[in-house]
Amino acid sequence: MASARAVVERFYNEVWNQADERAAREILHRNFIFRGSLGPELRGPDGFIEYLRSVHAALAGFTCTIEELVEMGERVAAKMLFRGTHRAPFFGIEATGREIVWNGAAFFKIEDELIAALWVLGDIDAVKRQLTSDASHPRFSLA
């Protein structure tokens, strides 16, 4: 039996970092609900997989790093670091070739060892600043 923590770690290591659609279908509940800073609410594994594809298309080498993780039964919260190289339109901004890095937080609900719901809050202002400014901006950190 996989812990809620193990399911979340697999979600980031396999689904996001490897763009593994098969793993997404294995660990996302059929009624999965996703709400993220980068777009509208999505439902089901197929809706999420379309989103996964769009982010990877816009950001080469897109990775998610878990910086902190807290598990409370079937609820998991994670402090995240996101990174990728801007290679296609993103937030309506044409490719810049820049590596962008931003922080976020993710809140999961696990049911029967599957991810039933996920709400991700990312620092969208930092993303837009990095895509539109020539100045580098250090990322905010509580470390």
N, C-alpha and C. Protein backbone atom coordinates (compact mmCIF):
# COMPACT_ATOMS: atom_id res chain seq x y z
N MET A 1 0.84 -1.19 0.00
CA MET A 1 0.00 0.00 0.00
C MET A 1 0.89 1.25 0.00
N ALA A 2 0.71 2.09 -0.99
CA ALA A 2 1.52 3.31 -1.12
C ALA A 2 0.98 4.40 -0.20
N SER A 3 1.90 5.11 0.44
CA SER A 3 1.50 6.24 1.28
C SER A 3 1.10 7.41 0.38
N ALA A 4 0.36 8.36 0.96
CA ALA A 4 -0.01 9.56 0.22
C ALA A 4 1.25 10.28 -0.25
N ARG A 5 2.26 10.32 0.60
CA ARG A 5 3.54 10.96 0.25
C ARG A 5 4.16 10.30 -0.98
N ALA A 6 4.17 8.96 -1.00
CA ALA A 6 4.76 8.22 -2.12
C ALA A 6 4.01 8.50 -3.42
N VAL A 7 2.69 8.64 -3.35
CA VAL A 7 1.89 8.94 -4.55
C VAL A 7 2.27 10.32 -5.09
N VAL A 8 2.41 11.30 -4.20
CA VAL A 8 2.78 12.66 -4.62
C VAL A 8 4.20 12.68 -5.20
N GLU A 9 5.11 11.99 -4.57
CA GLU A 9 6.48 11.93 -5.09
C GLU A 9 6.50 11.29 -6.49
N ARG A 10 5.71 10.25 -6.68
CA ARG A 10 5.63 9.62 -8.01
C ARG A 10 5.02 10.59 -9.02
N PHE A 11 4.01 11.33 -8.61
CA PHE A 11 3.37 12.31 -9.49
C PHE A 11 4.40 13.29 -10.05
N TYR A 12 5.26 13.82 -9.19
CA TYR A 12 6.25 14.77 -9.68
C TYR A 12 7.40 14.09 -10.41
N ASN A 13 7.92 13.00 -9.86
CA ASN A 13 9.09 12.35 -10.48
C ASN A 13 8.77 11.71 -11.82
N GLU A 14 7.62 11.07 -11.94
CA GLU A 14 7.29 10.37 -13.17
C GLU A 14 6.38 11.17 -14.10
N VAL A 15 5.28 11.68 -13.55
CA VAL A 15 4.30 12.36 -14.40
C VAL A 15 4.86 13.67 -14.90
N TRP A 16 5.25 14.56 -14.00
CA TRP A 16 5.73 15.88 -14.45
C TRP A 16 7.14 15.83 -15.02
N ASN A 17 8.08 15.29 -14.27
CA ASN A 17 9.48 15.40 -14.70
C ASN A 17 9.83 14.52 -15.89
N GLN A 18 9.06 13.44 -16.10
CA GLN A 18 9.32 12.57 -17.24
C GLN A 18 8.19 12.64 -18.28
N ALA A 19 7.17 13.47 -18.02
CA ALA A 19 6.00 13.60 -18.90
C ALA A 19 5.42 12.22 -19.22
N ASP A 20 5.31 11.38 -18.20
CA ASP A 20 4.85 10.00 -18.36
C ASP A 20 3.32 9.95 -18.25
N GLU A 21 2.68 9.90 -19.40
CA GLU A 21 1.22 9.90 -19.45
C GLU A 21 0.63 8.60 -18.90
N ARG A 22 1.35 7.49 -19.08
CA ARG A 22 0.90 6.21 -18.55
C ARG A 22 0.83 6.29 -17.02
N ALA A 23 1.86 6.84 -16.41
CA ALA A 23 1.87 6.98 -14.95
C ALA A 23 0.75 7.91 -14.50
N ALA A 24 0.47 8.95 -15.27
CA ALA A 24 -0.63 9.87 -14.93
C ALA A 24 -1.94 9.10 -14.88
N ARG A 25 -2.18 8.27 -15.88
CA ARG A 25 -3.43 7.50 -15.92
C ARG A 25 -3.50 6.49 -14.77
N GLU A 26 -2.36 6.02 -14.31
CA GLU A 26 -2.34 5.06 -13.20
C GLU A 26 -2.60 5.71 -11.85
N ILE A 27 -2.17 6.95 -11.65
CA ILE A 27 -2.28 7.54 -10.30
C ILE A 27 -3.31 8.65 -10.16
N LEU A 28 -3.93 9.07 -11.26
CA LEU A 28 -4.98 10.08 -11.17
C LEU A 28 -6.35 9.40 -11.13
N HIS A 29 -7.15 9.79 -10.16
CA HIS A 29 -8.51 9.26 -10.01
C HIS A 29 -9.31 9.61 -11.26
N ARG A 30 -10.25 8.76 -11.66
CA ARG A 30 -11.04 9.02 -12.88
C ARG A 30 -11.83 10.31 -12.78
N ASN A 31 -12.13 10.76 -11.55
CA ASN A 31 -12.84 12.03 -11.33
C ASN A 31 -11.90 13.13 -10.85
N PHE A 32 -10.63 13.00 -11.16
CA PHE A 32 -9.60 13.95 -10.75
C PHE A 32 -9.99 15.39 -11.09
N ILE A 33 -9.75 16.30 -10.14
CA ILE A 33 -9.99 17.73 -10.34
C ILE A 33 -8.66 18.46 -10.12
N PHE A 34 -8.28 19.27 -11.10
CA PHE A 34 -7.03 20.03 -11.03
C PHE A 34 -7.33 21.51 -11.20
N ARG A 35 -6.77 22.29 -10.32
CA ARG A 35 -6.86 23.75 -10.43
C ARG A 35 -5.46 24.30 -10.25
N GLY A 36 -4.96 25.01 -11.25
CA GLY A 36 -3.62 25.55 -11.19
C GLY A 36 -3.57 27.02 -11.54
N SER A 37 -2.50 27.66 -11.17
CA SER A 37 -2.31 29.08 -11.45
C SER A 37 -2.17 29.36 -12.94
N LEU A 38 -1.77 28.36 -13.70
CA LEU A 38 -1.50 28.55 -15.12
C LEU A 38 -2.72 28.38 -16.01
N GLY A 39 -3.87 28.05 -15.44
CA GLY A 39 -5.03 27.86 -16.32
C GLY A 39 -6.29 27.52 -15.57
N PRO A 40 -7.31 27.10 -16.30
CA PRO A 40 -8.62 26.82 -15.73
C PRO A 40 -8.67 25.49 -14.98
N GLU A 41 -9.78 25.25 -14.31
CA GLU A 41 -9.99 23.95 -13.65
C GLU A 41 -10.12 22.87 -14.71
N LEU A 42 -9.44 21.76 -14.48
CA LEU A 42 -9.48 20.63 -15.40
C LEU A 42 -10.03 19.42 -14.68
N ARG A 43 -10.67 18.54 -15.42
CA ARG A 43 -11.27 17.34 -14.82
C ARG A 43 -10.80 16.10 -15.56
N GLY A 44 -10.54 15.07 -14.77
CA GLY A 44 -10.16 13.77 -15.31
C GLY A 44 -8.72 13.71 -15.77
N PRO A 45 -8.19 12.50 -15.88
CA PRO A 45 -6.81 12.33 -16.36
C PRO A 45 -6.57 12.94 -17.74
N ASP A 46 -7.53 12.82 -18.65
CA ASP A 46 -7.32 13.33 -20.01
C ASP A 46 -7.17 14.85 -20.03
N GLY A 47 -7.99 15.55 -19.25
CA GLY A 47 -7.87 17.01 -19.17
C GLY A 47 -6.52 17.42 -18.63
N PHE A 48 -6.05 16.72 -17.60
CA PHE A 48 -4.75 17.03 -17.03
C PHE A 48 -3.63 16.73 -18.01
N ILE A 49 -3.72 15.62 -18.73
CA ILE A 49 -2.66 15.24 -19.67
C ILE A 49 -2.51 16.28 -20.78
N GLU A 50 -3.60 16.86 -21.23
CA GLU A 50 -3.51 17.94 -22.22
C GLU A 50 -2.72 19.12 -21.65
N TYR A 51 -2.98 19.45 -20.40
CA TYR A 51 -2.27 20.53 -19.72
C TYR A 51 -0.78 20.19 -19.58
N LEU A 52 -0.48 18.98 -19.17
CA LEU A 52 0.90 18.50 -19.06
C LEU A 52 1.63 18.69 -20.38
N ARG A 53 0.99 18.29 -21.47
CA ARG A 53 1.60 18.42 -22.80
C ARG A 53 1.86 19.89 -23.14
N SER A 54 0.91 20.76 -22.82
CA SER A 54 1.06 22.18 -23.17
C SER A 54 2.21 22.83 -22.40
N VAL A 55 2.35 22.49 -21.13
CA VAL A 55 3.45 23.06 -20.34
C VAL A 55 4.80 22.55 -20.87
N HIS A 56 4.89 21.26 -21.14
CA HIS A 56 6.15 20.71 -21.67
C HIS A 56 6.46 21.25 -23.06
N ALA A 57 5.43 21.54 -23.86
CA ALA A 57 5.66 22.12 -25.18
C ALA A 57 6.23 23.53 -25.07
N ALA A 58 5.78 24.29 -24.08
CA ALA A 58 6.22 25.67 -23.91
C ALA A 58 7.55 25.77 -23.18
N LEU A 59 7.83 24.81 -22.29
CA LEU A 59 9.02 24.89 -21.43
C LEU A 59 9.86 23.63 -21.58
N ALA A 60 10.93 23.72 -22.34
CA ALA A 60 11.84 22.58 -22.51
C ALA A 60 12.48 22.23 -21.17
N GLY A 61 12.65 20.95 -20.95
CA GLY A 61 13.31 20.51 -19.73
C GLY A 61 12.54 20.85 -18.47
N PHE A 62 11.22 21.01 -18.59
CA PHE A 62 10.41 21.40 -17.43
C PHE A 62 10.56 20.38 -16.31
N THR A 63 10.88 20.88 -15.11
CA THR A 63 10.99 20.02 -13.94
C THR A 63 10.33 20.67 -12.73
N CYS A 64 9.90 19.79 -11.85
CA CYS A 64 9.30 20.19 -10.58
C CYS A 64 10.15 19.56 -9.48
N THR A 65 10.60 20.37 -8.55
CA THR A 65 11.40 19.88 -7.43
C THR A 65 10.62 20.09 -6.14
N ILE A 66 10.45 19.02 -5.39
CA ILE A 66 9.80 19.12 -4.08
C ILE A 66 10.84 19.64 -3.10
N GLU A 67 10.59 20.81 -2.53
CA GLU A 67 11.51 21.37 -1.54
C GLU A 67 11.10 20.99 -0.12
N GLU A 68 9.81 20.90 0.12
CA GLU A 68 9.29 20.45 1.41
C GLU A 68 7.98 19.72 1.16
N LEU A 69 7.69 18.73 2.00
CA LEU A 69 6.46 17.98 1.83
C LEU A 69 5.89 17.65 3.21
N VAL A 70 4.59 17.90 3.38
CA VAL A 70 3.92 17.61 4.64
C VAL A 70 2.74 16.70 4.33
N GLU A 71 2.66 15.59 5.05
CA GLU A 71 1.58 14.63 4.84
C GLU A 71 0.73 14.56 6.10
N MET A 72 -0.57 14.66 5.92
CA MET A 72 -1.52 14.52 7.02
C MET A 72 -2.64 13.59 6.55
N GLY A 73 -2.45 12.30 6.78
CA GLY A 73 -3.43 11.32 6.31
C GLY A 73 -3.51 11.32 4.81
N GLU A 74 -4.69 11.63 4.28
CA GLU A 74 -4.89 11.64 2.83
C GLU A 74 -4.68 13.02 2.22
N ARG A 75 -4.15 13.94 2.98
CA ARG A 75 -3.84 15.29 2.49
C ARG A 75 -2.33 15.47 2.49
N VAL A 76 -1.85 16.09 1.41
CA VAL A 76 -0.41 16.36 1.28
C VAL A 76 -0.24 17.78 0.77
N ALA A 77 0.71 18.50 1.36
CA ALA A 77 1.07 19.84 0.89
C ALA A 77 2.55 19.83 0.55
N ALA A 78 2.90 20.52 -0.53
CA ALA A 78 4.29 20.55 -0.97
C ALA A 78 4.70 21.97 -1.34
N LYS A 79 5.89 22.35 -0.89
CA LYS A 79 6.53 23.59 -1.35
C LYS A 79 7.35 23.19 -2.56
N MET A 80 7.15 23.88 -3.69
CA MET A 80 7.71 23.45 -4.95
C MET A 80 8.63 24.48 -5.58
N LEU A 81 9.53 23.99 -6.43
CA LEU A 81 10.35 24.82 -7.30
C LEU A 81 10.14 24.30 -8.72
N PHE A 82 9.74 25.19 -9.63
CA PHE A 82 9.48 24.83 -11.02
C PHE A 82 10.54 25.51 -11.90
N ARG A 83 10.92 24.82 -12.99
CA ARG A 83 11.94 25.39 -13.88
C ARG A 83 11.80 24.81 -15.28
N GLY A 84 12.12 25.64 -16.26
CA GLY A 84 12.12 25.18 -17.64
C GLY A 84 12.66 26.28 -18.54
N THR A 85 12.97 25.92 -19.78
CA THR A 85 13.48 26.88 -20.76
C THR A 85 12.36 27.23 -21.73
N HIS A 86 12.08 28.52 -21.83
CA HIS A 86 10.95 29.05 -22.61
C HIS A 86 11.21 28.88 -24.10
N ARG A 87 10.53 27.90 -24.73
CA ARG A 87 10.78 27.59 -26.14
C ARG A 87 9.59 27.79 -27.06
N ALA A 88 8.44 28.11 -26.50
CA ALA A 88 7.22 28.32 -27.30
C ALA A 88 6.32 29.28 -26.55
N PRO A 89 5.31 29.83 -27.20
CA PRO A 89 4.45 30.80 -26.52
C PRO A 89 3.96 30.31 -25.15
N PHE A 90 4.06 31.20 -24.18
CA PHE A 90 3.68 30.91 -22.79
C PHE A 90 3.15 32.21 -22.21
N PHE A 91 1.94 32.21 -21.71
CA PHE A 91 1.27 33.43 -21.26
C PHE A 91 1.22 34.46 -22.38
N GLY A 92 1.11 33.97 -23.61
CA GLY A 92 1.01 34.88 -24.75
C GLY A 92 2.33 35.53 -25.13
N ILE A 93 3.42 35.09 -24.55
CA ILE A 93 4.74 35.66 -24.82
C ILE A 93 5.52 34.68 -25.69
N GLU A 94 5.99 35.17 -26.83
CA GLU A 94 6.76 34.32 -27.75
C GLU A 94 8.03 33.82 -27.06
N ALA A 95 8.56 32.72 -27.55
CA ALA A 95 9.74 32.08 -26.97
C ALA A 95 10.89 33.07 -26.79
N THR A 96 11.52 33.01 -25.64
CA THR A 96 12.66 33.88 -25.33
C THR A 96 13.96 33.09 -25.22
N GLY A 97 13.85 31.77 -25.07
CA GLY A 97 15.04 30.95 -24.86
C GLY A 97 15.58 31.04 -23.44
N ARG A 98 14.91 31.77 -22.58
CA ARG A 98 15.37 31.94 -21.20
C ARG A 98 14.95 30.78 -20.32
N GLU A 99 15.84 30.44 -19.40
CA GLU A 99 15.44 29.52 -18.34
C GLU A 99 14.68 30.35 -17.31
N ILE A 100 13.52 29.85 -16.92
CA ILE A 100 12.73 30.53 -15.89
C ILE A 100 12.58 29.60 -14.70
N VAL A 101 12.51 30.21 -13.53
CA VAL A 101 12.42 29.48 -12.28
C VAL A 101 11.41 30.19 -11.40
N TRP A 102 10.52 29.42 -10.80
CA TRP A 102 9.56 30.04 -9.88
C TRP A 102 9.14 29.07 -8.79
N ASN A 103 8.63 29.63 -7.71
CA ASN A 103 8.16 28.86 -6.57
C ASN A 103 6.66 28.64 -6.63
N GLY A 104 6.21 27.66 -5.89
CA GLY A 104 4.78 27.41 -5.79
C GLY A 104 4.48 26.49 -4.63
N ALA A 105 3.20 26.24 -4.45
CA ALA A 105 2.73 25.33 -3.42
C ALA A 105 1.64 24.46 -4.03
N ALA A 106 1.60 23.21 -3.62
CA ALA A 106 0.63 22.26 -4.16
C ALA A 106 -0.08 21.57 -3.01
N PHE A 107 -1.39 21.40 -3.17
CA PHE A 107 -2.23 20.80 -2.14
C PHE A 107 -3.01 19.64 -2.75
N PHE A 108 -2.77 18.44 -2.24
CA PHE A 108 -3.32 17.21 -2.78
C PHE A 108 -4.35 16.58 -1.85
N LYS A 109 -5.33 15.92 -2.46
CA LYS A 109 -6.25 15.04 -1.75
C LYS A 109 -6.11 13.67 -2.38
N ILE A 110 -5.79 12.68 -1.56
CA ILE A 110 -5.57 11.32 -2.03
C ILE A 110 -6.75 10.46 -1.60
N GLU A 111 -7.27 9.65 -2.50
CA GLU A 111 -8.33 8.69 -2.19
C GLU A 111 -7.96 7.34 -2.78
N ASP A 112 -7.94 6.31 -1.94
CA ASP A 112 -7.63 4.95 -2.41
C ASP A 112 -6.33 4.90 -3.20
N GLU A 113 -5.31 5.58 -2.70
CA GLU A 113 -3.98 5.62 -3.31
C GLU A 113 -3.94 6.30 -4.67
N LEU A 114 -4.98 7.09 -4.99
CA LEU A 114 -5.03 7.85 -6.24
C LEU A 114 -5.19 9.33 -5.90
N ILE A 115 -4.67 10.19 -6.78
CA ILE A 115 -4.82 11.63 -6.57
C ILE A 115 -6.22 12.02 -7.06
N ALA A 116 -7.04 12.48 -6.10
CA ALA A 116 -8.42 12.85 -6.40
C ALA A 116 -8.55 14.33 -6.73
N ALA A 117 -7.70 15.16 -6.09
CA ALA A 117 -7.77 16.60 -6.32
C ALA A 117 -6.39 17.21 -6.10
N LEU A 118 -6.12 18.27 -6.85
CA LEU A 118 -4.86 19.00 -6.73
C LEU A 118 -5.11 20.47 -7.02
N TRP A 119 -4.60 21.31 -6.15
CA TRP A 119 -4.66 22.75 -6.32
C TRP A 119 -3.23 23.27 -6.23
N VAL A 120 -2.75 23.90 -7.29
CA VAL A 120 -1.38 24.42 -7.34
C VAL A 120 -1.43 25.94 -7.44
N LEU A 121 -0.66 26.58 -6.58
CA LEU A 121 -0.52 28.03 -6.59
C LEU A 121 0.93 28.35 -6.92
N GLY A 122 1.15 28.98 -8.06
CA GLY A 122 2.50 29.32 -8.49
C GLY A 122 2.69 30.82 -8.54
N ASP A 123 3.92 31.25 -8.43
CA ASP A 123 4.25 32.67 -8.48
C ASP A 123 4.27 33.13 -9.93
N ILE A 124 3.09 33.39 -10.45
CA ILE A 124 2.92 33.77 -11.86
C ILE A 124 3.58 35.11 -12.16
N ASP A 125 3.60 36.02 -11.19
CA ASP A 125 4.27 37.30 -11.41
C ASP A 125 5.75 37.09 -11.70
N ALA A 126 6.37 36.15 -10.99
CA ALA A 126 7.79 35.86 -11.23
C ALA A 126 7.99 35.29 -12.63
N VAL A 127 7.08 34.45 -13.08
CA VAL A 127 7.17 33.88 -14.43
C VAL A 127 7.11 35.00 -15.47
N LYS A 128 6.10 35.84 -15.37
CA LYS A 128 5.92 36.92 -16.35
C LYS A 128 7.09 37.91 -16.31
N ARG A 129 7.59 38.21 -15.14
CA ARG A 129 8.72 39.13 -15.00
C ARG A 129 9.94 38.57 -15.73
N GLN A 130 10.20 37.29 -15.56
CA GLN A 130 11.36 36.67 -16.20
C GLN A 130 11.22 36.59 -17.71
N LEU A 131 9.99 36.47 -18.19
CA LEU A 131 9.77 36.37 -19.63
C LEU A 131 9.79 37.71 -20.34
N THR A 132 9.57 38.79 -19.59
CA THR A 132 9.42 40.10 -20.23
C THR A 132 10.51 41.10 -19.86
N SER A 133 11.36 40.77 -18.92
CA SER A 133 12.37 41.72 -18.45
C SER A 133 13.76 41.25 -18.81
N ASP A 134 14.65 42.22 -19.07
CA ASP A 134 16.05 41.88 -19.31
C ASP A 134 16.81 41.70 -18.01
N ALA A 135 16.28 42.25 -16.93
CA ALA A 135 16.94 42.14 -15.63
C ALA A 135 16.62 40.79 -15.01
N SER A 136 17.59 40.21 -14.33
CA SER A 136 17.32 38.95 -13.63
C SER A 136 16.74 39.28 -12.27
N HIS A 137 15.82 38.47 -11.85
CA HIS A 137 15.17 38.66 -10.57
C HIS A 137 15.41 37.44 -9.72
N PRO A 138 15.98 37.62 -8.52
CA PRO A 138 16.18 36.45 -7.67
C PRO A 138 14.82 35.90 -7.24
N ARG A 139 14.77 34.60 -7.11
CA ARG A 139 13.51 33.98 -6.67
C ARG A 139 13.36 34.18 -5.18
N PHE A 140 12.14 34.31 -4.75
CA PHE A 140 11.81 34.45 -3.33
C PHE A 140 11.98 33.10 -2.65
N SER A 141 12.56 33.09 -1.48
CA SER A 141 12.73 31.84 -0.77
C SER A 141 12.58 32.06 0.73
N LEU A 142 11.94 31.12 1.39
CA LEU A 142 11.81 31.16 2.84
C LEU A 142 12.94 30.39 3.51
N ALA A 143 13.84 29.84 2.72
CA ALA A 143 14.92 29.01 3.25
C ALA A 143 15.85 29.81 4.13
